[in-house]
Amino acid sequence: MPRFPYETVDVFTDRPFGGNPLAVFTDAQGLSDAQMQALAAEMNYSETTFVLPADDPAQDARVRIFHRTAEMPFAGHPNVGTAFVLARHGRDRDGVLRFEQKAGLVEIAVERDAAGAVTGAVIAAPQALSLGLELPIDGIAACAGLSVADIVTAAHKPVQASVGVTFVLTQVGPEALARAMPDLAAFRKLVRLHGELAGRLSLFLYARDGNMIRARMFAPLAGTWEDPATGSASATLGALLLSLDGGDTAAFTMTQGVEMGRPSLLRVTSWRAEDGCHSRVGGSCIPVFRGEALL
């Protein structure tokens, strides 16, 4: 019976049972697409990653990312956590890992403490900021169980944005953020009314105090009622805020998962380049479990 080893880590935290849990299958050769999807559903985390040999030997691995119902082209906490796990196995090259993914090449810098132990990682999102559809304020408010008055539009309206995977970024007030609650019927209605969403709606709500950000992410149509830490959304928000604020660089501290009892801390740096605004996102990780899938 084939055995497929995996490890789990809590990502964007420095203590067990905080942050966003991730399962990493460290040698996924021999698993079919259907098996990967089934394993991701079985693990029941926001995402599960599967490490395969790189197509280009100049890169370190091909990493596939699945959430409970589908494969993703890119995501933040899966890359940070996978890099953490592989670096602990000595698979980095001088503190760097390069992963082939559907959204493009993802480069990760491994972080170590003074004793040389791996503590976390920082990833560069594979794409510059791109903006898409603006969503109706009343529809987005309904999705979050809020009123229209709770949505802050001084900087931007609810808007699709991506640096590799698409989110709808929406600013709200701090009190509204704390009481937000996803409404599944409202999510379904908004997707039905807007075919451009292609059946997918990941809603990233945030409250801003300068460069300090509090955030929550709801994606119930994909099986994630709420996400404790969303690195790709945080990177996207950093790029969007830089594009709106002006300047060449910006740094943000993001807190997420508080309302879930899984506080997460994400560090985002964004910069302006010829092709647009880019971001890096990073944080600490903690190992939790090891096991095998018997298939």
C-alpha atoms as a PDB file:
ATOM      1  CA  MET A   1       0.000   0.000   0.000  1.00  0.00           C
ATOM      2  CA  PRO A   2       1.567   3.347  -1.043  1.00  0.00           C
ATOM      3  CA  ARG A   3       2.333   5.769   1.787  1.00  0.00           C
ATOM      4  CA  PHE A   4       2.417   9.515   1.318  1.00  0.00           C
ATOM      5  CA  PRO A   5       4.038  11.459   4.182  1.00  0.00           C
ATOM      6  CA  TYR A   6       2.634  14.787   5.282  1.00  0.00           C
ATOM      7  CA  GLU A   7       3.322  17.396   7.939  1.00  0.00           C
ATOM      8  CA  THR A   8       1.082  20.088   9.339  1.00  0.00           C
ATOM      9  CA  VAL A   9       2.170  23.550  10.413  1.00  0.00           C
ATOM     10  CA  ASP A  10       0.452  26.604  11.851  1.00  0.00           C
ATOM     11  CA  VAL A  11       1.345  29.544   9.601  1.00  0.00           C
ATOM     12  CA  PHE A  12       1.662  33.234  10.509  1.00  0.00           C
ATOM     13  CA  THR A  13       2.021  32.545  14.216  1.00  0.00           C
ATOM     14  CA  ASP A  14       4.788  31.876  16.732  1.00  0.00           C
ATOM     15  CA  ARG A  15       2.696  29.590  18.966  1.00  0.00           C
ATOM     16  CA  PRO A  16       0.815  26.313  18.410  1.00  0.00           C
ATOM     17  CA  PHE A  17      -2.889  26.510  17.557  1.00  0.00           C
ATOM     18  CA  GLY A  18      -2.696  30.077  16.330  1.00  0.00           C
ATOM     19  CA  GLY A  19      -2.429  31.196  12.736  1.00  0.00           C
ATOM     20  CA  ASN A  20      -3.666  29.194   9.767  1.00  0.00           C
ATOM     21  CA  PRO A  21      -3.101  25.413   9.737  1.00  0.00           C
ATOM     22  CA  LEU A  22      -1.667  23.818   6.601  1.00  0.00           C
ATOM     23  CA  ALA A  23      -1.022  20.236   5.539  1.00  0.00           C
ATOM     24  CA  VAL A  24       2.036  19.655   3.338  1.00  0.00           C
ATOM     25  CA  PHE A  25       2.470  16.378   1.442  1.00  0.00           C
ATOM     26  CA  THR A  26       6.224  16.434   1.032  1.00  0.00           C
ATOM     27  CA  ASP A  27       6.444  13.804  -1.738  1.00  0.00           C
ATOM     28  CA  ALA A  28       3.252  13.705  -3.794  1.00  0.00           C
ATOM     29  CA  GLN A  29       4.615  11.708  -6.753  1.00  0.00           C
ATOM     30  CA  GLY A  30       2.069   9.043  -7.658  1.00  0.00           C
ATOM     31  CA  LEU A  31      -0.999  10.944  -6.453  1.00  0.00           C
ATOM     32  CA  SER A  32      -3.640  11.703  -9.065  1.00  0.00           C
ATOM     33  CA  ASP A  33      -5.452  15.025  -9.309  1.00  0.00           C
ATOM     34  CA  ALA A  34      -8.560  13.373  -7.862  1.00  0.00           C
ATOM     35  CA  GLN A  35      -6.590  11.965  -4.935  1.00  0.00           C
ATOM     36  CA  MET A  36      -5.034  15.359  -4.177  1.00  0.00           C
ATOM     37  CA  GLN A  37      -8.450  16.975  -4.162  1.00  0.00           C
ATOM     38  CA  ALA A  38      -9.870  14.217  -1.971  1.00  0.00           C
ATOM     39  CA  LEU A  39      -6.977  14.533   0.479  1.00  0.00           C
ATOM     40  CA  ALA A  40      -7.465  18.307   0.687  1.00  0.00           C
ATOM     41  CA  ALA A  41     -11.127  17.759   1.492  1.00  0.00           C
ATOM     42  CA  GLU A  42     -10.205  15.092   4.043  1.00  0.00           C
ATOM     43  CA  MET A  43      -7.658  17.334   5.789  1.00  0.00           C
ATOM     44  CA  ASN A  44     -10.368  20.039   5.901  1.00  0.00           C
ATOM     45  CA  TYR A  45      -7.902  22.929   6.173  1.00  0.00           C
ATOM     46  CA  SER A  46      -8.145  26.146   4.188  1.00  0.00           C
ATOM     47  CA  GLU A  47      -5.500  24.680   1.870  1.00  0.00           C
ATOM     48  CA  THR A  48      -3.308  21.604   1.481  1.00  0.00           C
ATOM     49  CA  THR A  49      -0.142  21.510  -0.638  1.00  0.00           C
ATOM     50  CA  PHE A  50       1.442  18.723  -2.674  1.00  0.00           C
ATOM     51  CA  VAL A  51       5.163  18.868  -3.454  1.00  0.00           C
ATOM     52  CA  LEU A  52       6.342  17.447  -6.782  1.00  0.00           C
ATOM     53  CA  PRO A  53       9.620  17.591  -8.725  1.00  0.00           C
ATOM     54  CA  ALA A  54      10.049  20.830 -10.649  1.00  0.00           C
ATOM     55  CA  ASP A  55       9.609  20.757 -14.406  1.00  0.00           C
ATOM     56  CA  ASP A  56      12.658  23.047 -14.651  1.00  0.00           C
ATOM     57  CA  PRO A  57      15.621  21.660 -12.676  1.00  0.00           C
ATOM     58  CA  ALA A  58      16.699  25.234 -11.958  1.00  0.00           C
ATOM     59  CA  GLN A  59      13.706  25.484  -9.612  1.00  0.00           C
ATOM     60  CA  ASP A  60      13.257  23.609  -6.339  1.00  0.00           C
ATOM     61  CA  ALA A  61       9.774  22.098  -6.595  1.00  0.00           C
ATOM     62  CA  ARG A  62       6.422  22.203  -8.297  1.00  0.00           C
ATOM     63  CA  VAL A  63       3.839  22.914  -5.626  1.00  0.00           C
ATOM     64  CA  ARG A  64       0.143  22.358  -6.170  1.00  0.00           C
ATOM     65  CA  ILE A  65      -2.348  24.004  -3.821  1.00  0.00           C
ATOM     66  CA  PHE A  66      -5.857  22.684  -3.192  1.00  0.00           C
ATOM     67  CA  HIS A  67      -8.595  24.030  -0.969  1.00  0.00           C
ATOM     68  CA  ARG A  68     -11.562  21.876   0.024  1.00  0.00           C
ATOM     69  CA  THR A  69     -13.224  21.970  -3.391  1.00  0.00           C
ATOM     70  CA  ALA A  70     -10.730  23.099  -6.069  1.00  0.00           C
ATOM     71  CA  GLU A  71      -7.116  23.786  -7.003  1.00  0.00           C
ATOM     72  CA  MET A  72      -5.700  27.287  -6.602  1.00  0.00           C
ATOM     73  CA  PRO A  73      -3.145  29.007  -8.878  1.00  0.00           C
ATOM     74  CA  PHE A  74      -1.363  30.669  -5.937  1.00  0.00           C
ATOM     75  CA  ALA A  75      -1.889  31.330  -2.240  1.00  0.00           C
ATOM     76  CA  GLY A  76       0.069  32.949   0.554  1.00  0.00           C
ATOM     77  CA  HIS A  77       0.004  30.806   3.673  1.00  0.00           C
ATOM     78  CA  PRO A  78       0.485  27.544   1.694  1.00  0.00           C
ATOM     79  CA  ASN A  79       3.700  28.875   0.187  1.00  0.00           C
ATOM     80  CA  VAL A  80       5.037  30.210   3.487  1.00  0.00           C
ATOM     81  CA  GLY A  81       4.191  26.949   5.279  1.00  0.00           C
ATOM     82  CA  THR A  82       5.500  24.683   2.520  1.00  0.00           C
ATOM     83  CA  ALA A  83       8.774  26.600   2.376  1.00  0.00           C
ATOM     84  CA  PHE A  84       9.076  26.312   6.167  1.00  0.00           C
ATOM     85  CA  VAL A  85       8.603  22.533   6.007  1.00  0.00           C
ATOM     86  CA  LEU A  86      10.991  21.966   3.092  1.00  0.00           C
ATOM     87  CA  ALA A  87      13.666  24.219   4.586  1.00  0.00           C
ATOM     88  CA  ARG A  88      13.515  22.177   7.796  1.00  0.00           C
ATOM     89  CA  HIS A  89      14.308  19.186   5.553  1.00  0.00           C
ATOM     90  CA  GLY A  90      17.314  21.044   4.124  1.00  0.00           C
ATOM     91  CA  ARG A  91      15.781  21.503   0.691  1.00  0.00           C
ATOM     92  CA  ASP A  92      16.458  25.236   0.328  1.00  0.00           C
ATOM     93  CA  ARG A  93      19.422  26.658  -1.564  1.00  0.00           C
ATOM     94  CA  ASP A  94      21.247  29.285   0.487  1.00  0.00           C
ATOM     95  CA  GLY A  95      18.041  30.303   2.214  1.00  0.00           C
ATOM     96  CA  VAL A  96      15.926  30.508  -0.939  1.00  0.00           C
ATOM     97  CA  LEU A  97      13.265  28.228  -2.461  1.00  0.00           C
ATOM     98  CA  ARG A  98      11.631  28.647  -5.863  1.00  0.00           C
ATOM     99  CA  PHE A  99       8.286  26.981  -6.508  1.00  0.00           C
ATOM    100  CA  GLU A 100       6.614  26.467  -9.865  1.00  0.00           C
ATOM    101  CA  GLN A 101       2.894  27.172  -9.629  1.00  0.00           C
ATOM    102  CA  LYS A 102      -0.022  27.796 -11.967  1.00  0.00           C
ATOM    103  CA  ALA A 103       0.165  31.569 -11.378  1.00  0.00           C
ATOM    104  CA  GLY A 104       3.896  31.646 -12.101  1.00  0.00           C
ATOM    105  CA  LEU A 105       7.202  31.233 -10.302  1.00  0.00           C
ATOM    106  CA  VAL A 106       7.089  31.966  -6.564  1.00  0.00           C
ATOM    107  CA  GLU A 107      10.330  32.826  -4.771  1.00  0.00           C
ATOM    108  CA  ILE A 108      10.535  32.341  -1.003  1.00  0.00           C
ATOM    109  CA  ALA A 109      13.189  33.597   1.412  1.00  0.00           C
ATOM    110  CA  VAL A 110      13.632  31.327   4.426  1.00  0.00           C
ATOM    111  CA  GLU A 111      13.906  32.958   7.844  1.00  0.00           C
ATOM    112  CA  ARG A 112      16.125  31.522  10.600  1.00  0.00           C
ATOM    113  CA  ASP A 113      16.927  32.475  14.167  1.00  0.00           C
ATOM    114  CA  ALA A 114      20.394  33.166  15.542  1.00  0.00           C
ATOM    115  CA  ALA A 115      20.965  29.442  16.090  1.00  0.00           C
ATOM    116  CA  GLY A 116      20.095  28.643  12.481  1.00  0.00           C
ATOM    117  CA  ALA A 117      16.691  27.067  13.142  1.00  0.00           C
ATOM    118  CA  VAL A 118      14.029  27.746  10.513  1.00  0.00           C
ATOM    119  CA  THR A 119      11.367  30.091  11.921  1.00  0.00           C
ATOM    120  CA  GLY A 120       9.311  31.204   8.920  1.00  0.00           C
ATOM    121  CA  ALA A 121       9.448  32.520   5.391  1.00  0.00           C
ATOM    122  CA  VAL A 122       8.714  35.497   3.148  1.00  0.00           C
ATOM    123  CA  ILE A 123       7.223  35.055  -0.311  1.00  0.00           C
ATOM    124  CA  ALA A 124       7.041  37.346  -3.300  1.00  0.00           C
ATOM    125  CA  ALA A 125       3.653  37.232  -5.031  1.00  0.00           C
ATOM    126  CA  PRO A 126       4.066  36.107  -8.658  1.00  0.00           C
ATOM    127  CA  GLN A 127       2.168  38.949 -10.344  1.00  0.00           C
ATOM    128  CA  ALA A 128       1.786  42.713 -10.232  1.00  0.00           C
ATOM    129  CA  LEU A 129      -1.495  44.115  -8.946  1.00  0.00           C
ATOM    130  CA  SER A 130      -4.420  43.822 -11.328  1.00  0.00           C
ATOM    131  CA  LEU A 131      -7.916  45.181 -10.710  1.00  0.00           C
ATOM    132  CA  GLY A 132     -11.202  43.807 -11.945  1.00  0.00           C
ATOM    133  CA  LEU A 133     -14.884  44.264 -11.300  1.00  0.00           C
ATOM    134  CA  GLU A 134     -16.245  46.758  -8.781  1.00  0.00           C
ATOM    135  CA  LEU A 135     -19.034  45.084  -6.802  1.00  0.00           C
ATOM    136  CA  PRO A 136     -22.235  46.793  -5.581  1.00  0.00           C
ATOM    137  CA  ILE A 137     -21.945  48.101  -2.047  1.00  0.00           C
ATOM    138  CA  ASP A 138     -25.337  46.771  -0.988  1.00  0.00           C
ATOM    139  CA  GLY A 139     -24.542  43.275  -2.280  1.00  0.00           C
ATOM    140  CA  ILE A 140     -21.183  43.131  -0.517  1.00  0.00           C
ATOM    141  CA  ALA A 141     -22.678  44.493   2.707  1.00  0.00           C
ATOM    142  CA  ALA A 142     -25.306  41.741   2.597  1.00  0.00           C
ATOM    143  CA  CYS A 143     -22.631  39.072   2.091  1.00  0.00           C
ATOM    144  CA  ALA A 144     -20.911  40.223   5.291  1.00  0.00           C
ATOM    145  CA  GLY A 145     -24.122  40.640   7.295  1.00  0.00           C
ATOM    146  CA  LEU A 146     -23.540  44.405   7.444  1.00  0.00           C
ATOM    147  CA  SER A 147     -25.367  47.560   6.404  1.00  0.00           C
ATOM    148  CA  VAL A 148     -24.411  49.794   3.491  1.00  0.00           C
ATOM    149  CA  ALA A 149     -23.314  52.433   6.019  1.00  0.00           C
ATOM    150  CA  ASP A 150     -20.662  50.011   7.363  1.00  0.00           C
ATOM    151  CA  ILE A 151     -18.793  49.939   4.037  1.00  0.00           C
ATOM    152  CA  VAL A 152     -16.029  52.558   3.762  1.00  0.00           C
ATOM    153  CA  THR A 153     -15.599  53.856   0.210  1.00  0.00           C
ATOM    154  CA  ALA A 154     -13.402  56.945   0.678  1.00  0.00           C
ATOM    155  CA  ALA A 155     -10.363  55.151  -0.804  1.00  0.00           C
ATOM    156  CA  HIS A 156     -12.052  52.587  -3.057  1.00  0.00           C
ATOM    157  CA  LYS A 157     -15.289  50.700  -3.607  1.00  0.00           C
ATOM    158  CA  PRO A 158     -15.439  46.919  -3.122  1.00  0.00           C
ATOM    159  CA  VAL A 159     -13.201  45.725  -5.928  1.00  0.00           C
ATOM    160  CA  GLN A 160     -11.750  42.543  -7.349  1.00  0.00           C
ATOM    161  CA  ALA A 161      -7.969  42.566  -7.097  1.00  0.00           C
ATOM    162  CA  SER A 162      -5.181  40.044  -7.553  1.00  0.00           C
ATOM    163  CA  VAL A 163      -1.437  39.465  -7.333  1.00  0.00           C
ATOM    164  CA  GLY A 164      -1.935  35.824  -8.312  1.00  0.00           C
ATOM    165  CA  VAL A 165      -5.373  34.887  -6.970  1.00  0.00           C
ATOM    166  CA  THR A 166      -8.465  37.097  -6.913  1.00  0.00           C
ATOM    167  CA  PHE A 167     -10.201  38.580  -3.855  1.00  0.00           C
ATOM    168  CA  VAL A 168     -12.841  41.236  -3.386  1.00  0.00           C
ATOM    169  CA  LEU A 169     -11.207  43.848  -1.130  1.00  0.00           C
ATOM    170  CA  THR A 170     -13.599  45.884   1.002  1.00  0.00           C
ATOM    171  CA  GLN A 171     -12.843  48.450   3.694  1.00  0.00           C
ATOM    172  CA  VAL A 172     -15.109  48.666   6.750  1.00  0.00           C
ATOM    173  CA  GLY A 173     -14.987  50.341  10.141  1.00  0.00           C
ATOM    174  CA  PRO A 174     -13.383  48.526  13.103  1.00  0.00           C
ATOM    175  CA  GLU A 175     -16.679  47.893  14.877  1.00  0.00           C
ATOM    176  CA  ALA A 176     -18.267  46.562  11.695  1.00  0.00           C
ATOM    177  CA  LEU A 177     -15.318  44.246  11.116  1.00  0.00           C
ATOM    178  CA  ALA A 178     -15.812  42.673  14.540  1.00  0.00           C
ATOM    179  CA  ARG A 179     -19.501  41.876  13.961  1.00  0.00           C
ATOM    180  CA  ALA A 180     -19.302  40.777  10.325  1.00  0.00           C
ATOM    181  CA  MET A 181     -20.812  37.368   9.613  1.00  0.00           C
ATOM    182  CA  PRO A 182     -21.001  35.694   6.189  1.00  0.00           C
ATOM    183  CA  ASP A 183     -24.473  35.213   4.732  1.00  0.00           C
ATOM    184  CA  LEU A 184     -24.395  32.196   2.414  1.00  0.00           C
ATOM    185  CA  ALA A 185     -27.601  33.132   0.613  1.00  0.00           C
ATOM    186  CA  ALA A 186     -26.238  36.611  -0.118  1.00  0.00           C
ATOM    187  CA  PHE A 187     -22.992  35.125  -1.484  1.00  0.00           C
ATOM    188  CA  ARG A 188     -24.963  32.851  -3.783  1.00  0.00           C
ATOM    189  CA  LYS A 189     -27.174  35.709  -4.957  1.00  0.00           C
ATOM    190  CA  LEU A 190     -24.243  38.005  -5.761  1.00  0.00           C
ATOM    191  CA  VAL A 191     -22.460  35.288  -7.725  1.00  0.00           C
ATOM    192  CA  ARG A 192     -25.661  34.512  -9.599  1.00  0.00           C
ATOM    193  CA  LEU A 193     -26.128  38.182 -10.530  1.00  0.00           C
ATOM    194  CA  HIS A 194     -22.518  38.683 -11.631  1.00  0.00           C
ATOM    195  CA  GLY A 195     -21.319  36.043 -14.054  1.00  0.00           C
ATOM    196  CA  GLU A 196     -17.915  37.758 -14.147  1.00  0.00           C
ATOM    197  CA  LEU A 197     -17.253  36.242 -10.722  1.00  0.00           C
ATOM    198  CA  ALA A 198     -17.289  32.788 -12.363  1.00  0.00           C
ATOM    199  CA  GLY A 199     -18.894  31.283  -9.279  1.00  0.00           C
ATOM    200  CA  ARG A 200     -16.065  32.375  -6.958  1.00  0.00           C
ATOM    201  CA  LEU A 201     -16.253  35.044  -4.280  1.00  0.00           C
ATOM    202  CA  SER A 202     -13.585  35.433  -1.605  1.00  0.00           C
ATOM    203  CA  LEU A 203     -14.411  38.515   0.455  1.00  0.00           C
ATOM    204  CA  PHE A 204     -11.521  40.186   2.289  1.00  0.00           C
ATOM    205  CA  LEU A 205     -12.764  42.797   4.769  1.00  0.00           C
ATOM    206  CA  TYR A 206     -10.307  45.140   6.433  1.00  0.00           C
ATOM    207  CA  ALA A 207     -10.180  48.048   8.858  1.00  0.00           C
ATOM    208  CA  ARG A 208      -7.217  50.384   8.563  1.00  0.00           C
ATOM    209  CA  ASP A 209      -5.347  52.512  11.079  1.00  0.00           C
ATOM    210  CA  GLY A 210      -2.413  53.906   9.116  1.00  0.00           C
ATOM    211  CA  ASN A 211      -0.201  50.958   8.232  1.00  0.00           C
ATOM    212  CA  MET A 212      -1.840  48.704  10.835  1.00  0.00           C
ATOM    213  CA  ILE A 213      -4.543  46.516   9.302  1.00  0.00           C
ATOM    214  CA  ARG A 214      -7.173  44.265  10.926  1.00  0.00           C
ATOM    215  CA  ALA A 215      -8.756  41.819   8.493  1.00  0.00           C
ATOM    216  CA  ARG A 216     -11.174  38.931   8.027  1.00  0.00           C
ATOM    217  CA  MET A 217     -11.754  36.715   4.976  1.00  0.00           C
ATOM    218  CA  PHE A 218     -14.924  34.825   4.074  1.00  0.00           C
ATOM    219  CA  ALA A 219     -15.192  32.317   1.203  1.00  0.00           C
ATOM    220  CA  PRO A 220     -18.154  30.071   2.112  1.00  0.00           C
ATOM    221  CA  LEU A 221     -18.854  29.064  -1.493  1.00  0.00           C
ATOM    222  CA  ALA A 222     -15.445  27.343  -1.530  1.00  0.00           C
ATOM    223  CA  GLY A 223     -16.000  25.699   1.863  1.00  0.00           C
ATOM    224  CA  THR A 224     -14.048  28.253   3.931  1.00  0.00           C
ATOM    225  CA  TRP A 225     -16.532  29.970   6.221  1.00  0.00           C
ATOM    226  CA  GLU A 226     -13.716  32.125   7.590  1.00  0.00           C
ATOM    227  CA  ASP A 227      -9.949  32.008   7.075  1.00  0.00           C
ATOM    228  CA  PRO A 228      -7.560  32.650   9.996  1.00  0.00           C
ATOM    229  CA  ALA A 229      -4.817  34.148   7.790  1.00  0.00           C
ATOM    230  CA  THR A 230      -4.866  34.900   4.078  1.00  0.00           C
ATOM    231  CA  GLY A 231      -1.398  35.770   2.825  1.00  0.00           C
ATOM    232  CA  SER A 232      -2.339  36.252  -0.825  1.00  0.00           C
ATOM    233  CA  ALA A 233      -5.175  38.624   0.085  1.00  0.00           C
ATOM    234  CA  SER A 234      -2.902  40.545   2.443  1.00  0.00           C
ATOM    235  CA  ALA A 235      -0.287  40.879  -0.297  1.00  0.00           C
ATOM    236  CA  THR A 236      -2.987  42.060  -2.699  1.00  0.00           C
ATOM    237  CA  LEU A 237      -4.256  44.641  -0.220  1.00  0.00           C
ATOM    238  CA  GLY A 238      -0.731  45.961   0.347  1.00  0.00           C
ATOM    239  CA  ALA A 239      -0.285  46.469  -3.393  1.00  0.00           C
ATOM    240  CA  LEU A 240      -3.689  48.147  -3.697  1.00  0.00           C
ATOM    241  CA  LEU A 241      -3.036  50.539  -0.805  1.00  0.00           C
ATOM    242  CA  LEU A 242       0.357  51.486  -2.223  1.00  0.00           C
ATOM    243  CA  SER A 243      -1.239  52.173  -5.603  1.00  0.00           C
ATOM    244  CA  LEU A 244      -3.808  54.444  -3.947  1.00  0.00           C
ATOM    245  CA  ASP A 245      -1.535  56.154  -1.404  1.00  0.00           C
ATOM    246  CA  GLY A 246       1.296  56.895  -3.815  1.00  0.00           C
ATOM    247  CA  GLY A 247       4.992  56.530  -3.094  1.00  0.00           C
ATOM    248  CA  ASP A 248       7.475  53.855  -4.060  1.00  0.00           C
ATOM    249  CA  THR A 249       7.291  51.472  -1.098  1.00  0.00           C
ATOM    250  CA  ALA A 250       5.097  50.708   1.893  1.00  0.00           C
ATOM    251  CA  ALA A 251       5.063  48.268   4.808  1.00  0.00           C
ATOM    252  CA  PHE A 252       1.970  46.964   6.581  1.00  0.00           C
ATOM    253  CA  THR A 253       1.312  44.836   9.647  1.00  0.00           C
ATOM    254  CA  MET A 254      -1.778  42.666   9.200  1.00  0.00           C
ATOM    255  CA  THR A 255      -3.706  40.965  12.001  1.00  0.00           C
ATOM    256  CA  GLN A 256      -6.306  38.321  11.153  1.00  0.00           C
ATOM    257  CA  GLY A 257      -8.065  35.369  12.800  1.00  0.00           C
ATOM    258  CA  VAL A 258      -8.712  37.141  16.106  1.00  0.00           C
ATOM    259  CA  GLU A 259     -12.468  36.538  16.012  1.00  0.00           C
ATOM    260  CA  MET A 260     -11.814  32.836  15.343  1.00  0.00           C
ATOM    261  CA  GLY A 261      -9.492  32.407  18.313  1.00  0.00           C
ATOM    262  CA  ARG A 262      -6.555  31.822  15.936  1.00  0.00           C
ATOM    263  CA  PRO A 263      -4.712  35.178  15.922  1.00  0.00           C
ATOM    264  CA  SER A 264      -2.349  35.597  13.000  1.00  0.00           C
ATOM    265  CA  LEU A 265       0.338  38.176  12.270  1.00  0.00           C
ATOM    266  CA  LEU A 266       1.394  38.880   8.677  1.00  0.00           C
ATOM    267  CA  ARG A 267       4.088  41.270   7.483  1.00  0.00           C
ATOM    268  CA  VAL A 268       3.545  42.834   4.059  1.00  0.00           C
ATOM    269  CA  THR A 269       5.940  44.980   2.054  1.00  0.00           C
ATOM    270  CA  SER A 270       4.879  46.480  -1.265  1.00  0.00           C
ATOM    271  CA  TRP A 271       6.816  48.318  -3.941  1.00  0.00           C
ATOM    272  CA  ARG A 272       6.195  50.048  -7.233  1.00  0.00           C
ATOM    273  CA  ALA A 273       7.877  48.745 -10.394  1.00  0.00           C
ATOM    274  CA  GLU A 274       7.579  49.445 -14.107  1.00  0.00           C
ATOM    275  CA  ASP A 275       4.831  46.842 -14.500  1.00  0.00           C
ATOM    276  CA  GLY A 276       2.849  47.938 -11.426  1.00  0.00           C
ATOM    277  CA  CYS A 277       2.674  47.356  -7.681  1.00  0.00           C
ATOM    278  CA  HIS A 278       4.110  44.166  -6.189  1.00  0.00           C
ATOM    279  CA  SER A 279       4.091  42.660  -2.693  1.00  0.00           C
ATOM    280  CA  ARG A 280       5.876  40.273  -0.386  1.00  0.00           C
ATOM    281  CA  VAL A 281       4.219  38.652   2.622  1.00  0.00           C
ATOM    282  CA  GLY A 282       5.827  36.702   5.423  1.00  0.00           C
ATOM    283  CA  GLY A 283       5.579  35.448   8.955  1.00  0.00           C
ATOM    284  CA  SER A 284       6.481  32.751  11.445  1.00  0.00           C
ATOM    285  CA  CYS A 285       5.431  29.086  11.471  1.00  0.00           C
ATOM    286  CA  ILE A 286       5.106  26.342  14.069  1.00  0.00           C
ATOM    287  CA  PRO A 287       5.239  22.559  13.303  1.00  0.00           C
ATOM    288  CA  VAL A 288       2.331  20.564  14.737  1.00  0.00           C
ATOM    289  CA  PHE A 289       1.752  17.039  13.303  1.00  0.00           C
ATOM    290  CA  ARG A 290       3.402  14.413  11.121  1.00  0.00           C
ATOM    291  CA  GLY A 291       1.682  11.450   9.502  1.00  0.00           C
ATOM    292  CA  GLU A 292       1.084   9.347   6.402  1.00  0.00           C
ATOM    293  CA  ALA A 293      -1.787   8.902   4.009  1.00  0.00           C
ATOM    294  CA  LEU A 294      -2.302   5.225   3.167  1.00  0.00           C
ATOM    295  CA  LEU A 295      -3.622   4.984  -0.361  1.00  0.00           C
END
